[in-house]
């Protein structure tokens, strides 16, 4: 599929190659601004060949982007983790990474057992059933909000 139209005198929309299903906004001054692969649904910002659901060629700024996972044993967290922690079997520790300003990690009691089997996150102890905690790095250390 090829989709073409005139956006302005300096911006046009084009397909990368005949037969590709790429929907693309291009500026004569800046090159590819935004593209979408209509077959995969991948979107590119600054890229005419997106290879992920969101592919950014350049620096991106995103806040509170969390990927939720379930853990029931010792784990070293990564910035952006949301951890459903299950301490039904035993208490365990989540090690916090070095971290950088603005990074976030969230934790939720997934088994309603923190009172019986505490969860330690860095130097913080979570000991209330159903507890939720959010940790943000202030550029120097992790803080619990």
C-alpha atoms as a PDB file:
ATOM      1  CA  UNK A   1       0.000   0.000   0.000  1.00  0.00           C
ATOM      2  CA  UNK A   2       1.214   3.466  -0.778  1.00  0.00           C
ATOM      3  CA  UNK A   3      -0.484   6.510   0.702  1.00  0.00           C
ATOM      4  CA  UNK A   4       0.376   9.934  -0.709  1.00  0.00           C
ATOM      5  CA  UNK A   5      -0.883  13.418   0.013  1.00  0.00           C
ATOM      6  CA  UNK A   6       0.425  16.963   0.309  1.00  0.00           C
ATOM      7  CA  UNK A   7       0.643  18.225   3.907  1.00  0.00           C
ATOM      8  CA  UNK A   8       2.279  21.614   3.315  1.00  0.00           C
ATOM      9  CA  UNK A   9       4.763  22.967   0.850  1.00  0.00           C
ATOM     10  CA  UNK A  10       7.646  21.635   2.964  1.00  0.00           C
ATOM     11  CA  UNK A  11       6.114  18.413   4.282  1.00  0.00           C
ATOM     12  CA  UNK A  12       4.963  15.428   2.279  1.00  0.00           C
ATOM     13  CA  UNK A  13       3.809  11.948   3.049  1.00  0.00           C
ATOM     14  CA  UNK A  14       5.333   9.014   1.129  1.00  0.00           C
ATOM     15  CA  UNK A  15       6.065   5.306   1.084  1.00  0.00           C
ATOM     16  CA  UNK A  16       9.648   4.124   1.623  1.00  0.00           C
ATOM     17  CA  UNK A  17       9.501   1.536  -1.192  1.00  0.00           C
ATOM     18  CA  UNK A  18       6.874   0.468  -3.664  1.00  0.00           C
ATOM     19  CA  UNK A  19       4.853  -2.343  -2.098  1.00  0.00           C
ATOM     20  CA  UNK A  20       5.728  -1.335   1.483  1.00  0.00           C
ATOM     21  CA  UNK A  21       2.912  -0.418   3.802  1.00  0.00           C
ATOM     22  CA  UNK A  22       4.700   2.594   5.277  1.00  0.00           C
ATOM     23  CA  UNK A  23       2.772   5.766   6.081  1.00  0.00           C
ATOM     24  CA  UNK A  24       5.358   8.528   6.483  1.00  0.00           C
ATOM     25  CA  UNK A  25       5.463  12.266   7.184  1.00  0.00           C
ATOM     26  CA  UNK A  26       8.608  13.841   5.738  1.00  0.00           C
ATOM     27  CA  UNK A  27       9.924  17.377   6.011  1.00  0.00           C
ATOM     28  CA  UNK A  28      12.241  18.785   3.348  1.00  0.00           C
ATOM     29  CA  UNK A  29      14.120  20.457   6.196  1.00  0.00           C
ATOM     30  CA  UNK A  30      14.237  17.633   8.762  1.00  0.00           C
ATOM     31  CA  UNK A  31      13.743  14.326   6.914  1.00  0.00           C
ATOM     32  CA  UNK A  32      11.418  11.685   8.306  1.00  0.00           C
ATOM     33  CA  UNK A  33       9.294  13.090  11.115  1.00  0.00           C
ATOM     34  CA  UNK A  34       6.844  10.225  11.711  1.00  0.00           C
ATOM     35  CA  UNK A  35       6.265   6.862  10.065  1.00  0.00           C
ATOM     36  CA  UNK A  36       4.008   3.869  10.619  1.00  0.00           C
ATOM     37  CA  UNK A  37       4.283   0.366   9.232  1.00  0.00           C
ATOM     38  CA  UNK A  38       0.646  -0.374   8.435  1.00  0.00           C
ATOM     39  CA  UNK A  39       1.262  -4.146   8.451  1.00  0.00           C
ATOM     40  CA  UNK A  40       2.960  -4.478  11.868  1.00  0.00           C
ATOM     41  CA  UNK A  41       1.605  -1.339  13.543  1.00  0.00           C
ATOM     42  CA  UNK A  42       5.169  -0.236  14.406  1.00  0.00           C
ATOM     43  CA  UNK A  43       5.552   3.544  14.699  1.00  0.00           C
ATOM     44  CA  UNK A  44       8.756   5.469  14.058  1.00  0.00           C
ATOM     45  CA  UNK A  45       9.630   8.949  15.227  1.00  0.00           C
ATOM     46  CA  UNK A  46      12.622  10.175  13.243  1.00  0.00           C
ATOM     47  CA  UNK A  47      12.833   6.761  11.539  1.00  0.00           C
ATOM     48  CA  UNK A  48      11.415   5.573   8.222  1.00  0.00           C
ATOM     49  CA  UNK A  49      11.879   1.895   9.164  1.00  0.00           C
ATOM     50  CA  UNK A  50      10.376   1.319  12.641  1.00  0.00           C
ATOM     51  CA  UNK A  51      11.280  -2.086  14.092  1.00  0.00           C
ATOM     52  CA  UNK A  52       9.413  -1.824  17.426  1.00  0.00           C
ATOM     53  CA  UNK A  53       5.917  -0.725  18.469  1.00  0.00           C
ATOM     54  CA  UNK A  54       7.540   2.648  19.224  1.00  0.00           C
ATOM     55  CA  UNK A  55      10.906   3.278  17.575  1.00  0.00           C
ATOM     56  CA  UNK A  56      12.506   6.638  18.383  1.00  0.00           C
ATOM     57  CA  UNK A  57      15.605   7.757  16.476  1.00  0.00           C
ATOM     58  CA  UNK A  58      16.939  10.350  18.895  1.00  0.00           C
ATOM     59  CA  UNK A  59      16.359  11.218  22.519  1.00  0.00           C
ATOM     60  CA  UNK A  60      12.948  10.492  24.012  1.00  0.00           C
ATOM     61  CA  UNK A  61      11.429  11.822  27.205  1.00  0.00           C
ATOM     62  CA  UNK A  62       8.912   9.617  28.972  1.00  0.00           C
ATOM     63  CA  UNK A  63       7.528   9.723  32.493  1.00  0.00           C
ATOM     64  CA  UNK A  64       6.034   6.930  34.577  1.00  0.00           C
ATOM     65  CA  UNK A  65       6.599   4.209  32.012  1.00  0.00           C
ATOM     66  CA  UNK A  66       6.269   0.978  33.993  1.00  0.00           C
ATOM     67  CA  UNK A  67       6.396  -2.651  32.827  1.00  0.00           C
ATOM     68  CA  UNK A  68       4.678  -4.976  35.328  1.00  0.00           C
ATOM     69  CA  UNK A  69       6.169  -8.368  36.190  1.00  0.00           C
ATOM     70  CA  UNK A  70       5.491 -10.968  38.905  1.00  0.00           C
ATOM     71  CA  UNK A  71       8.256 -12.078  41.297  1.00  0.00           C
ATOM     72  CA  UNK A  72       8.319 -14.482  44.257  1.00  0.00           C
ATOM     73  CA  UNK A  73      12.065 -14.700  44.945  1.00  0.00           C
ATOM     74  CA  UNK A  74      15.096 -12.415  45.167  1.00  0.00           C
ATOM     75  CA  UNK A  75      15.224 -10.064  42.208  1.00  0.00           C
ATOM     76  CA  UNK A  76      17.370  -7.163  41.008  1.00  0.00           C
ATOM     77  CA  UNK A  77      15.012  -4.498  39.693  1.00  0.00           C
ATOM     78  CA  UNK A  78      15.497  -2.341  36.629  1.00  0.00           C
ATOM     79  CA  UNK A  79      14.270   1.223  36.269  1.00  0.00           C
ATOM     80  CA  UNK A  80      10.699   1.141  35.004  1.00  0.00           C
ATOM     81  CA  UNK A  81       9.796  -2.145  36.719  1.00  0.00           C
ATOM     82  CA  UNK A  82       6.415  -2.605  38.295  1.00  0.00           C
ATOM     83  CA  UNK A  83       6.714  -5.646  40.536  1.00  0.00           C
ATOM     84  CA  UNK A  84       3.776  -7.746  41.667  1.00  0.00           C
ATOM     85  CA  UNK A  85       5.575  -9.322  44.637  1.00  0.00           C
ATOM     86  CA  UNK A  86       4.264 -12.571  46.081  1.00  0.00           C
ATOM     87  CA  UNK A  87       5.737 -13.454  49.489  1.00  0.00           C
ATOM     88  CA  UNK A  88       3.294 -16.303  50.164  1.00  0.00           C
ATOM     89  CA  UNK A  89       6.130 -18.858  50.379  1.00  0.00           C
ATOM     90  CA  UNK A  90       8.859 -16.698  51.948  1.00  0.00           C
ATOM     91  CA  UNK A  91      10.141 -13.183  52.472  1.00  0.00           C
ATOM     92  CA  UNK A  92      12.572 -11.938  49.845  1.00  0.00           C
ATOM     93  CA  UNK A  93      14.555  -8.895  48.765  1.00  0.00           C
ATOM     94  CA  UNK A  94      14.308  -6.707  45.693  1.00  0.00           C
ATOM     95  CA  UNK A  95      17.661  -5.040  45.022  1.00  0.00           C
ATOM     96  CA  UNK A  96      17.397  -1.534  43.595  1.00  0.00           C
ATOM     97  CA  UNK A  97      19.669  -0.594  40.668  1.00  0.00           C
ATOM     98  CA  UNK A  98      22.131   2.320  40.730  1.00  0.00           C
ATOM     99  CA  UNK A  99      19.451   4.584  39.250  1.00  0.00           C
ATOM    100  CA  UNK A 100      19.337   8.042  37.743  1.00  0.00           C
ATOM    101  CA  UNK A 101      17.212  11.141  38.298  1.00  0.00           C
ATOM    102  CA  UNK A 102      13.516  10.528  37.732  1.00  0.00           C
ATOM    103  CA  UNK A 103      13.639   6.754  37.335  1.00  0.00           C
ATOM    104  CA  UNK A 104      10.706   4.894  38.898  1.00  0.00           C
ATOM    105  CA  UNK A 105      10.111   1.426  40.369  1.00  0.00           C
ATOM    106  CA  UNK A 106       6.727   0.352  41.756  1.00  0.00           C
ATOM    107  CA  UNK A 107       5.912  -2.621  44.010  1.00  0.00           C
ATOM    108  CA  UNK A 108       2.559  -4.180  44.966  1.00  0.00           C
ATOM    109  CA  UNK A 109       1.787  -7.036  47.379  1.00  0.00           C
ATOM    110  CA  UNK A 110       0.375  -9.611  44.994  1.00  0.00           C
ATOM    111  CA  UNK A 111      -0.318 -12.321  47.589  1.00  0.00           C
ATOM    112  CA  UNK A 112      -1.544 -10.242  50.555  1.00  0.00           C
ATOM    113  CA  UNK A 113       1.290 -11.646  52.685  1.00  0.00           C
ATOM    114  CA  UNK A 114       3.699  -8.779  53.393  1.00  0.00           C
ATOM    115  CA  UNK A 115       2.671  -8.785  57.099  1.00  0.00           C
ATOM    116  CA  UNK A 116       3.687 -12.445  57.433  1.00  0.00           C
ATOM    117  CA  UNK A 117       6.621 -12.480  54.993  1.00  0.00           C
ATOM    118  CA  UNK A 118       8.051  -8.990  54.560  1.00  0.00           C
ATOM    119  CA  UNK A 119       9.395  -7.703  51.277  1.00  0.00           C
ATOM    120  CA  UNK A 120      12.618  -5.724  51.467  1.00  0.00           C
ATOM    121  CA  UNK A 121      13.154  -3.237  48.645  1.00  0.00           C
ATOM    122  CA  UNK A 122      16.630  -1.742  48.908  1.00  0.00           C
ATOM    123  CA  UNK A 123      16.727  -0.468  52.503  1.00  0.00           C
ATOM    124  CA  UNK A 124      12.930  -0.239  52.775  1.00  0.00           C
ATOM    125  CA  UNK A 125      10.775  -2.944  54.414  1.00  0.00           C
ATOM    126  CA  UNK A 126       7.203  -3.461  53.238  1.00  0.00           C
ATOM    127  CA  UNK A 127       5.230  -5.208  55.984  1.00  0.00           C
ATOM    128  CA  UNK A 128       1.542  -4.423  55.441  1.00  0.00           C
ATOM    129  CA  UNK A 129      -0.759  -6.795  53.554  1.00  0.00           C
ATOM    130  CA  UNK A 130      -1.846  -5.337  50.222  1.00  0.00           C
ATOM    131  CA  UNK A 131       0.835  -2.641  50.433  1.00  0.00           C
ATOM    132  CA  UNK A 132       1.850  -0.593  47.382  1.00  0.00           C
ATOM    133  CA  UNK A 133       5.035   1.459  47.206  1.00  0.00           C
ATOM    134  CA  UNK A 134       6.531   3.738  44.587  1.00  0.00           C
ATOM    135  CA  UNK A 135      10.266   4.482  44.535  1.00  0.00           C
ATOM    136  CA  UNK A 136      11.758   7.406  42.614  1.00  0.00           C
ATOM    137  CA  UNK A 137      15.429   8.217  42.175  1.00  0.00           C
ATOM    138  CA  UNK A 138      16.280  11.829  43.089  1.00  0.00           C
ATOM    139  CA  UNK A 139      19.640  11.841  41.293  1.00  0.00           C
ATOM    140  CA  UNK A 140      21.472  10.710  44.410  1.00  0.00           C
ATOM    141  CA  UNK A 141      19.405   7.934  46.002  1.00  0.00           C
ATOM    142  CA  UNK A 142      16.125   6.043  45.826  1.00  0.00           C
ATOM    143  CA  UNK A 143      13.261   7.655  47.769  1.00  0.00           C
ATOM    144  CA  UNK A 144       9.997   6.051  48.759  1.00  0.00           C
ATOM    145  CA  UNK A 145       7.015   8.231  47.973  1.00  0.00           C
END
